[in-house]
């Protein structure tokens, strides 16, 4: 029951409610070495690849491990364009969280770029943030249910029960 209500609350919410606006972006011609350094400094597991002011791809730690390290390629010679995942999958800020979660599941991805009406980057929504939102809603709902249960036990009873 608590889970159902938490899901109902979650599906009413929009991507704009949980967007991460502090996103690392790199130019398509940036070297993988510099990208890895930027991601490390920012403590981020991903960055978005830009061509001018347009998002054209994403690079994750997994991309660096699989496409560079495991492939035994030189990260000083490779550019963002060489290892990024593309095309980028994006949504608008008014997209429902339920729809964002379904899109992520359907495409087996963990991050969605969020674009404005002019296709300019405004942030990212991650599967971790979606899970955190759901956990918060469940925790809040369980607290309410527990408070209600306690108040029922403490409520004064009439002579008939």
N, C-alpha and C. Protein backbone atom coordinates (compact mmCIF):
# COMPACT_ATOMS: atom_id res chain seq x y z
N UNK A 1 0.82 -1.20 0.00
CA UNK A 1 0.00 0.00 0.00
C UNK A 1 0.86 1.26 0.00
N UNK A 2 1.84 1.31 0.91
CA UNK A 2 2.73 2.46 0.96
C UNK A 2 3.47 2.60 -0.36
N UNK A 3 3.90 1.47 -0.93
CA UNK A 3 4.63 1.49 -2.18
C UNK A 3 3.76 2.05 -3.30
N UNK A 4 2.49 1.66 -3.36
CA UNK A 4 1.59 2.15 -4.39
C UNK A 4 1.43 3.67 -4.31
N UNK A 5 1.23 4.19 -3.10
CA UNK A 5 1.06 5.63 -2.95
C UNK A 5 2.34 6.39 -3.27
N UNK A 6 3.48 5.82 -2.91
CA UNK A 6 4.75 6.46 -3.23
C UNK A 6 4.94 6.51 -4.74
N UNK A 7 4.58 5.44 -5.43
CA UNK A 7 4.69 5.44 -6.88
C UNK A 7 3.74 6.47 -7.49
N UNK A 8 2.53 6.58 -6.94
CA UNK A 8 1.59 7.57 -7.45
C UNK A 8 2.15 8.98 -7.28
N UNK A 9 2.77 9.23 -6.14
CA UNK A 9 3.38 10.54 -5.91
C UNK A 9 4.55 10.76 -6.85
N UNK A 10 5.34 9.72 -7.06
CA UNK A 10 6.50 9.83 -7.95
C UNK A 10 6.08 10.17 -9.37
N UNK A 11 5.03 9.54 -9.86
CA UNK A 11 4.64 9.76 -11.25
C UNK A 11 4.04 11.14 -11.48
N UNK A 12 3.62 11.83 -10.43
CA UNK A 12 3.13 13.20 -10.58
C UNK A 12 4.26 14.20 -10.77
N UNK A 13 5.43 13.84 -10.33
CA UNK A 13 6.57 14.75 -10.34
C UNK A 13 7.19 14.83 -11.73
N UNK A 14 7.93 15.91 -11.94
CA UNK A 14 8.56 16.18 -13.23
C UNK A 14 10.08 16.13 -13.10
N UNK A 15 10.73 15.94 -14.23
CA UNK A 15 12.19 15.91 -14.28
C UNK A 15 12.78 17.17 -13.63
N UNK A 16 12.13 18.30 -13.84
CA UNK A 16 12.62 19.57 -13.28
C UNK A 16 12.73 19.54 -11.76
N UNK A 17 11.99 18.63 -11.10
CA UNK A 17 12.02 18.51 -9.64
C UNK A 17 13.32 17.89 -9.12
N UNK A 18 14.02 17.14 -9.97
CA UNK A 18 15.21 16.42 -9.48
C UNK A 18 16.44 16.60 -10.36
N UNK A 19 16.39 17.55 -11.25
CA UNK A 19 17.47 17.75 -12.22
C UNK A 19 18.79 18.14 -11.54
N UNK A 20 19.87 17.59 -12.04
CA UNK A 20 21.21 18.00 -11.61
C UNK A 20 21.70 19.02 -12.63
N UNK A 21 21.84 20.26 -12.19
CA UNK A 21 22.24 21.33 -13.12
C UNK A 21 23.75 21.51 -13.20
N UNK A 22 24.48 20.87 -12.29
CA UNK A 22 25.94 20.97 -12.29
C UNK A 22 26.51 19.78 -13.06
N UNK A 23 26.63 19.95 -14.34
CA UNK A 23 27.05 18.87 -15.23
C UNK A 23 28.38 19.23 -15.88
N UNK A 24 29.28 18.27 -15.94
CA UNK A 24 30.55 18.47 -16.62
C UNK A 24 30.31 18.30 -18.12
N UNK A 25 30.77 19.26 -18.87
CA UNK A 25 30.69 19.17 -20.33
C UNK A 25 32.09 19.32 -20.90
N UNK A 26 32.31 18.64 -22.02
CA UNK A 26 33.60 18.72 -22.71
C UNK A 26 33.35 18.90 -24.20
N UNK A 27 34.30 19.52 -24.85
CA UNK A 27 34.25 19.67 -26.29
C UNK A 27 34.51 18.31 -26.95
N UNK A 28 33.94 18.10 -28.09
CA UNK A 28 34.09 16.83 -28.81
C UNK A 28 35.54 16.49 -29.13
N UNK A 29 36.42 17.50 -29.15
CA UNK A 29 37.82 17.28 -29.50
C UNK A 29 38.74 17.15 -28.28
N UNK A 30 38.16 17.17 -27.09
CA UNK A 30 38.96 17.04 -25.86
C UNK A 30 39.56 15.64 -25.77
N UNK A 31 40.80 15.56 -25.27
CA UNK A 31 41.44 14.24 -25.15
C UNK A 31 40.84 13.46 -23.98
N UNK A 32 40.89 12.16 -24.11
CA UNK A 32 40.36 11.28 -23.07
C UNK A 32 41.13 11.48 -21.76
N UNK A 33 42.42 11.72 -21.85
CA UNK A 33 43.21 11.98 -20.64
C UNK A 33 42.65 13.18 -19.87
N UNK A 34 42.41 14.28 -20.58
CA UNK A 34 41.86 15.47 -19.92
C UNK A 34 40.45 15.24 -19.41
N UNK A 35 39.68 14.47 -20.14
CA UNK A 35 38.31 14.16 -19.70
C UNK A 35 38.34 13.37 -18.40
N UNK A 36 39.22 12.38 -18.34
CA UNK A 36 39.34 11.57 -17.11
C UNK A 36 39.77 12.44 -15.93
N UNK A 37 40.68 13.37 -16.17
CA UNK A 37 41.11 14.28 -15.10
C UNK A 37 39.96 15.16 -14.63
N UNK A 38 39.20 15.71 -15.57
CA UNK A 38 38.05 16.55 -15.22
C UNK A 38 37.02 15.78 -14.40
N UNK A 39 36.72 14.57 -14.85
CA UNK A 39 35.75 13.74 -14.14
C UNK A 39 36.25 13.41 -12.73
N UNK A 40 37.53 13.12 -12.61
CA UNK A 40 38.12 12.80 -11.31
C UNK A 40 38.05 14.00 -10.37
N UNK A 41 38.44 15.17 -10.86
CA UNK A 41 38.41 16.40 -10.05
C UNK A 41 37.00 16.73 -9.58
N UNK A 42 36.03 16.52 -10.45
CA UNK A 42 34.65 16.84 -10.13
C UNK A 42 33.93 15.70 -9.40
N UNK A 43 34.63 14.57 -9.22
CA UNK A 43 34.03 13.39 -8.60
C UNK A 43 32.75 12.99 -9.31
N UNK A 44 32.84 12.95 -10.62
CA UNK A 44 31.69 12.60 -11.46
C UNK A 44 32.01 11.33 -12.24
N UNK A 45 31.01 10.53 -12.46
CA UNK A 45 31.19 9.29 -13.21
C UNK A 45 30.85 9.45 -14.69
N UNK A 46 30.55 10.69 -15.10
CA UNK A 46 30.19 10.93 -16.49
C UNK A 46 30.42 12.40 -16.87
N UNK A 47 30.42 12.65 -18.16
CA UNK A 47 30.41 14.01 -18.69
C UNK A 47 29.66 14.00 -20.01
N UNK A 48 29.12 15.13 -20.38
CA UNK A 48 28.43 15.24 -21.65
C UNK A 48 29.36 15.87 -22.68
N UNK A 49 29.26 15.39 -23.90
CA UNK A 49 30.11 15.87 -24.98
C UNK A 49 29.31 16.88 -25.80
N UNK A 50 29.96 18.03 -26.05
CA UNK A 50 29.31 19.13 -26.74
C UNK A 50 29.97 19.40 -28.09
N UNK A 51 29.16 19.83 -29.03
CA UNK A 51 29.65 20.39 -30.29
C UNK A 51 29.03 21.77 -30.34
N UNK A 52 29.84 22.77 -30.00
CA UNK A 52 29.28 24.11 -29.83
C UNK A 52 28.39 24.12 -28.59
N UNK A 53 27.14 24.49 -28.78
CA UNK A 53 26.21 24.51 -27.64
C UNK A 53 25.21 23.35 -27.68
N UNK A 54 25.49 22.35 -28.50
CA UNK A 54 24.61 21.17 -28.62
C UNK A 54 25.24 19.95 -27.97
N UNK A 55 24.44 19.19 -27.24
CA UNK A 55 24.90 17.94 -26.65
C UNK A 55 24.87 16.88 -27.74
N UNK A 56 26.01 16.20 -27.92
CA UNK A 56 26.06 15.18 -28.98
C UNK A 56 26.37 13.78 -28.44
N UNK A 57 26.75 13.68 -27.18
CA UNK A 57 27.06 12.37 -26.63
C UNK A 57 27.35 12.43 -25.15
N UNK A 58 27.65 11.26 -24.60
CA UNK A 58 27.98 11.13 -23.18
C UNK A 58 29.16 10.18 -23.05
N UNK A 59 30.01 10.48 -22.08
CA UNK A 59 31.12 9.58 -21.75
C UNK A 59 30.99 9.22 -20.29
N UNK A 60 31.03 7.92 -20.02
CA UNK A 60 30.96 7.44 -18.64
C UNK A 60 32.29 6.75 -18.30
N UNK A 61 32.46 6.49 -17.02
CA UNK A 61 33.65 5.74 -16.61
C UNK A 61 33.72 4.41 -17.35
N UNK A 62 32.57 3.79 -17.54
CA UNK A 62 32.52 2.51 -18.25
C UNK A 62 33.04 2.65 -19.68
N UNK A 63 32.71 3.75 -20.34
CA UNK A 63 33.21 3.98 -21.70
C UNK A 63 34.73 4.05 -21.69
N UNK A 64 35.30 4.74 -20.72
CA UNK A 64 36.76 4.87 -20.64
C UNK A 64 37.41 3.52 -20.39
N UNK A 65 36.81 2.74 -19.48
CA UNK A 65 37.38 1.42 -19.18
C UNK A 65 37.30 0.50 -20.40
N UNK A 66 36.14 0.42 -21.01
CA UNK A 66 35.94 -0.53 -22.12
C UNK A 66 36.58 -0.08 -23.43
N UNK A 67 36.44 1.19 -23.77
CA UNK A 67 36.87 1.66 -25.09
C UNK A 67 38.31 2.17 -25.13
N UNK A 68 38.89 2.36 -23.94
CA UNK A 68 40.26 2.86 -23.91
C UNK A 68 41.17 1.85 -23.20
N UNK A 69 40.94 1.65 -21.92
CA UNK A 69 41.82 0.79 -21.12
C UNK A 69 41.81 -0.65 -21.63
N UNK A 70 40.63 -1.26 -21.70
CA UNK A 70 40.55 -2.66 -22.13
C UNK A 70 40.97 -2.85 -23.59
N UNK A 71 40.77 -1.81 -24.39
CA UNK A 71 41.17 -1.87 -25.80
C UNK A 71 42.64 -1.50 -25.99
N UNK A 72 43.31 -1.19 -24.89
CA UNK A 72 44.73 -0.83 -24.88
C UNK A 72 45.05 0.29 -25.86
N UNK A 73 44.21 1.34 -25.79
CA UNK A 73 44.43 2.51 -26.65
C UNK A 73 45.02 3.65 -25.81
N UNK A 74 45.68 4.56 -26.48
CA UNK A 74 46.34 5.67 -25.82
C UNK A 74 45.33 6.80 -25.56
N UNK A 75 45.04 7.11 -24.29
CA UNK A 75 44.06 8.14 -23.97
C UNK A 75 44.50 9.55 -24.37
N UNK A 76 45.79 9.73 -24.62
CA UNK A 76 46.29 11.04 -25.08
C UNK A 76 46.00 11.26 -26.56
N UNK A 77 45.76 10.18 -27.27
CA UNK A 77 45.51 10.28 -28.71
C UNK A 77 44.01 10.25 -29.04
N UNK A 78 43.22 9.71 -28.14
CA UNK A 78 41.78 9.61 -28.39
C UNK A 78 41.06 10.88 -27.96
N UNK A 79 40.03 11.20 -28.70
CA UNK A 79 39.20 12.37 -28.40
C UNK A 79 37.83 11.91 -27.90
N UNK A 80 37.11 12.84 -27.31
CA UNK A 80 35.77 12.55 -26.81
C UNK A 80 34.92 11.90 -27.90
N UNK A 81 35.01 12.44 -29.08
CA UNK A 81 34.25 11.94 -30.22
C UNK A 81 34.52 10.46 -30.50
N UNK A 82 35.73 10.00 -30.17
CA UNK A 82 36.12 8.62 -30.44
C UNK A 82 35.50 7.61 -29.49
N UNK A 83 35.17 8.03 -28.28
CA UNK A 83 34.70 7.04 -27.30
C UNK A 83 33.31 7.31 -26.73
N UNK A 84 32.70 8.42 -27.11
CA UNK A 84 31.40 8.77 -26.53
C UNK A 84 30.31 7.83 -27.00
N UNK A 85 29.26 7.74 -26.18
CA UNK A 85 28.05 7.03 -26.58
C UNK A 85 27.13 8.06 -27.22
N UNK A 86 26.64 7.73 -28.40
CA UNK A 86 25.79 8.67 -29.13
C UNK A 86 24.81 7.87 -29.98
N UNK A 87 23.69 8.40 -30.35
CA UNK A 87 23.24 9.75 -30.02
C UNK A 87 22.80 9.83 -28.56
N UNK A 88 22.77 11.02 -28.05
CA UNK A 88 22.34 11.24 -26.68
C UNK A 88 20.82 11.09 -26.59
N UNK A 89 20.37 10.52 -25.50
CA UNK A 89 18.93 10.42 -25.27
C UNK A 89 18.58 11.52 -24.28
N UNK A 90 17.62 12.35 -24.65
CA UNK A 90 17.29 13.52 -23.85
C UNK A 90 15.78 13.68 -23.69
N UNK A 91 15.42 14.46 -22.66
CA UNK A 91 14.03 14.78 -22.38
C UNK A 91 13.94 16.28 -22.06
N UNK A 92 12.72 16.78 -22.01
CA UNK A 92 12.51 18.17 -21.59
C UNK A 92 12.27 18.20 -20.08
N UNK A 93 12.39 19.37 -19.49
CA UNK A 93 12.27 19.49 -18.03
C UNK A 93 10.86 19.20 -17.53
N UNK A 94 9.86 19.27 -18.39
CA UNK A 94 8.49 18.99 -17.94
C UNK A 94 8.09 17.52 -18.13
N UNK A 95 9.04 16.68 -18.52
CA UNK A 95 8.79 15.24 -18.66
C UNK A 95 8.48 14.65 -17.29
N UNK A 96 7.47 13.80 -17.22
CA UNK A 96 7.13 13.14 -15.95
C UNK A 96 8.23 12.16 -15.56
N UNK A 97 8.50 12.05 -14.27
CA UNK A 97 9.53 11.14 -13.79
C UNK A 97 9.24 9.70 -14.23
N UNK A 98 7.99 9.34 -14.23
CA UNK A 98 7.61 7.99 -14.67
C UNK A 98 8.07 7.76 -16.11
N UNK A 99 7.84 8.74 -16.98
CA UNK A 99 8.24 8.61 -18.38
C UNK A 99 9.76 8.57 -18.52
N UNK A 100 10.44 9.39 -17.71
CA UNK A 100 11.91 9.39 -17.74
C UNK A 100 12.44 8.02 -17.32
N UNK A 101 11.86 7.46 -16.26
CA UNK A 101 12.29 6.15 -15.77
C UNK A 101 12.04 5.07 -16.82
N UNK A 102 10.90 5.13 -17.49
CA UNK A 102 10.58 4.15 -18.54
C UNK A 102 11.55 4.27 -19.71
N UNK A 103 11.90 5.49 -20.09
CA UNK A 103 12.83 5.73 -21.18
C UNK A 103 14.21 5.18 -20.83
N UNK A 104 14.63 5.39 -19.59
CA UNK A 104 15.92 4.88 -19.14
C UNK A 104 15.93 3.35 -19.17
N UNK A 105 14.86 2.75 -18.69
CA UNK A 105 14.77 1.28 -18.67
C UNK A 105 14.75 0.72 -20.09
N UNK A 106 13.95 1.33 -20.95
CA UNK A 106 13.83 0.86 -22.34
C UNK A 106 15.16 0.91 -23.08
N UNK A 107 15.95 1.94 -22.80
CA UNK A 107 17.23 2.13 -23.50
C UNK A 107 18.43 1.63 -22.71
N UNK A 108 18.16 1.05 -21.54
CA UNK A 108 19.22 0.51 -20.69
C UNK A 108 20.30 1.56 -20.41
N UNK A 109 19.86 2.74 -19.98
CA UNK A 109 20.78 3.83 -19.66
C UNK A 109 20.53 4.31 -18.24
N UNK A 110 21.49 5.01 -17.68
CA UNK A 110 21.41 5.48 -16.30
C UNK A 110 21.36 7.00 -16.19
N UNK A 111 21.48 7.69 -17.33
CA UNK A 111 21.48 9.15 -17.32
C UNK A 111 20.71 9.67 -18.52
N UNK A 112 19.95 10.74 -18.27
CA UNK A 112 19.20 11.40 -19.34
C UNK A 112 19.57 12.87 -19.36
N UNK A 113 19.95 13.38 -20.50
CA UNK A 113 20.17 14.81 -20.63
C UNK A 113 18.81 15.50 -20.60
N UNK A 114 18.78 16.68 -20.01
CA UNK A 114 17.55 17.47 -19.97
C UNK A 114 17.81 18.74 -20.78
N UNK A 115 16.98 18.97 -21.79
CA UNK A 115 17.15 20.09 -22.70
C UNK A 115 15.98 21.05 -22.61
N UNK A 116 16.25 22.33 -22.90
CA UNK A 116 15.17 23.31 -22.93
C UNK A 116 14.50 23.30 -24.30
N UNK A 117 13.61 24.25 -24.53
CA UNK A 117 12.83 24.31 -25.77
C UNK A 117 13.72 24.51 -27.01
N UNK A 118 14.92 25.08 -26.80
CA UNK A 118 15.84 25.33 -27.91
C UNK A 118 16.93 24.26 -28.00
N UNK A 119 16.70 23.13 -27.34
CA UNK A 119 17.65 22.01 -27.31
C UNK A 119 18.98 22.36 -26.66
N UNK A 120 18.96 23.30 -25.74
CA UNK A 120 20.15 23.67 -24.97
C UNK A 120 20.14 22.86 -23.67
N UNK A 121 21.31 22.40 -23.26
CA UNK A 121 21.45 21.60 -22.06
C UNK A 121 21.10 22.41 -20.82
N UNK A 122 20.24 21.84 -19.97
CA UNK A 122 19.96 22.47 -18.68
C UNK A 122 20.31 21.56 -17.49
N UNK A 123 20.60 20.29 -17.77
CA UNK A 123 20.99 19.40 -16.69
C UNK A 123 20.87 17.94 -17.07
N UNK A 124 20.96 17.09 -16.04
CA UNK A 124 20.91 15.64 -16.22
C UNK A 124 20.07 15.04 -15.10
N UNK A 125 19.34 14.01 -15.43
CA UNK A 125 18.63 13.20 -14.43
C UNK A 125 19.27 11.83 -14.44
N UNK A 126 19.60 11.32 -13.26
CA UNK A 126 20.25 10.01 -13.16
C UNK A 126 19.31 9.00 -12.53
N UNK A 127 19.56 7.74 -12.83
CA UNK A 127 18.76 6.67 -12.24
C UNK A 127 18.94 6.66 -10.72
N UNK A 128 20.13 7.05 -10.25
CA UNK A 128 20.36 7.12 -8.80
C UNK A 128 19.47 8.16 -8.15
N UNK A 129 19.30 9.31 -8.82
CA UNK A 129 18.43 10.36 -8.27
C UNK A 129 16.97 9.92 -8.28
N UNK A 130 16.56 9.22 -9.32
CA UNK A 130 15.20 8.68 -9.36
C UNK A 130 14.96 7.71 -8.21
N UNK A 131 15.92 6.82 -7.97
CA UNK A 131 15.81 5.85 -6.88
C UNK A 131 15.78 6.56 -5.53
N UNK A 132 16.59 7.59 -5.38
CA UNK A 132 16.63 8.36 -4.14
C UNK A 132 15.29 9.05 -3.88
N UNK A 133 14.69 9.59 -4.93
CA UNK A 133 13.37 10.23 -4.80
C UNK A 133 12.32 9.23 -4.35
N UNK A 134 12.34 8.05 -4.94
CA UNK A 134 11.39 7.02 -4.57
C UNK A 134 11.60 6.60 -3.11
N UNK A 135 12.85 6.42 -2.71
CA UNK A 135 13.15 6.04 -1.32
C UNK A 135 12.68 7.11 -0.35
N UNK A 136 12.86 8.37 -0.69
CA UNK A 136 12.41 9.47 0.17
C UNK A 136 10.89 9.47 0.30
N UNK A 137 10.22 9.26 -0.81
CA UNK A 137 8.76 9.21 -0.77
C UNK A 137 8.26 8.05 0.09
N UNK A 138 8.90 6.89 -0.05
CA UNK A 138 8.53 5.73 0.75
C UNK A 138 8.78 5.96 2.23
N UNK A 139 9.91 6.56 2.55
CA UNK A 139 10.25 6.85 3.94
C UNK A 139 9.24 7.81 4.55
N UNK A 140 8.89 8.86 3.81
CA UNK A 140 7.92 9.84 4.29
C UNK A 140 6.55 9.18 4.50
N UNK A 141 6.15 8.39 3.53
CA UNK A 141 4.84 7.73 3.64
C UNK A 141 4.82 6.74 4.81
N UNK A 142 5.90 5.99 5.01
CA UNK A 142 5.97 5.06 6.14
C UNK A 142 5.93 5.80 7.47
N UNK A 143 6.58 6.95 7.55
CA UNK A 143 6.54 7.77 8.77
C UNK A 143 5.11 8.20 9.07
N UNK A 144 4.41 8.63 8.04
CA UNK A 144 3.01 9.03 8.23
C UNK A 144 2.15 7.86 8.70
N UNK A 145 2.34 6.70 8.09
CA UNK A 145 1.57 5.53 8.47
C UNK A 145 1.87 5.11 9.91
N UNK A 146 3.15 5.17 10.30
CA UNK A 146 3.53 4.84 11.68
C UNK A 146 2.92 5.83 12.66
N UNK A 147 2.95 7.10 12.34
CA UNK A 147 2.37 8.13 13.21
C UNK A 147 0.87 7.91 13.35
N UNK A 148 0.22 7.56 12.26
CA UNK A 148 -1.21 7.30 12.30
C UNK A 148 -1.51 6.08 13.17
N UNK A 149 -0.71 5.03 13.03
CA UNK A 149 -0.92 3.81 13.82
C UNK A 149 -0.74 4.09 15.31
N UNK A 150 0.27 4.86 15.67
CA UNK A 150 0.52 5.21 17.07
C UNK A 150 -0.62 6.07 17.60
N UNK A 151 -1.08 7.03 16.81
CA UNK A 151 -2.15 7.91 17.28
C UNK A 151 -3.44 7.13 17.48
N UNK A 152 -3.67 6.11 16.67
CA UNK A 152 -4.85 5.26 16.84
C UNK A 152 -4.78 4.48 18.15
N UNK A 153 -3.60 4.01 18.51
CA UNK A 153 -3.41 3.26 19.75
C UNK A 153 -3.58 4.16 20.97
N UNK A 154 -3.22 5.43 20.85
CA UNK A 154 -3.27 6.36 21.98
C UNK A 154 -4.60 7.11 22.07
N UNK A 155 -5.42 6.98 21.05
CA UNK A 155 -6.67 7.73 21.03
C UNK A 155 -7.60 7.27 22.16
N UNK A 156 -8.25 8.24 22.80
CA UNK A 156 -9.19 7.86 23.87
C UNK A 156 -10.34 7.02 23.31
N UNK A 157 -10.76 6.07 24.09
CA UNK A 157 -11.84 5.18 23.67
C UNK A 157 -13.12 5.55 24.43
N UNK A 158 -14.21 5.43 23.72
CA UNK A 158 -15.51 5.67 24.36
C UNK A 158 -15.90 4.45 25.20
N UNK A 159 -17.03 4.50 25.80
CA UNK A 159 -17.45 3.40 26.65
C UNK A 159 -17.78 2.15 25.84
N UNK A 160 -17.95 2.31 24.55
CA UNK A 160 -18.27 1.17 23.70
C UNK A 160 -17.05 0.63 22.94
N UNK A 161 -15.88 1.03 23.31
CA UNK A 161 -14.75 0.43 22.62
C UNK A 161 -13.66 1.35 22.42
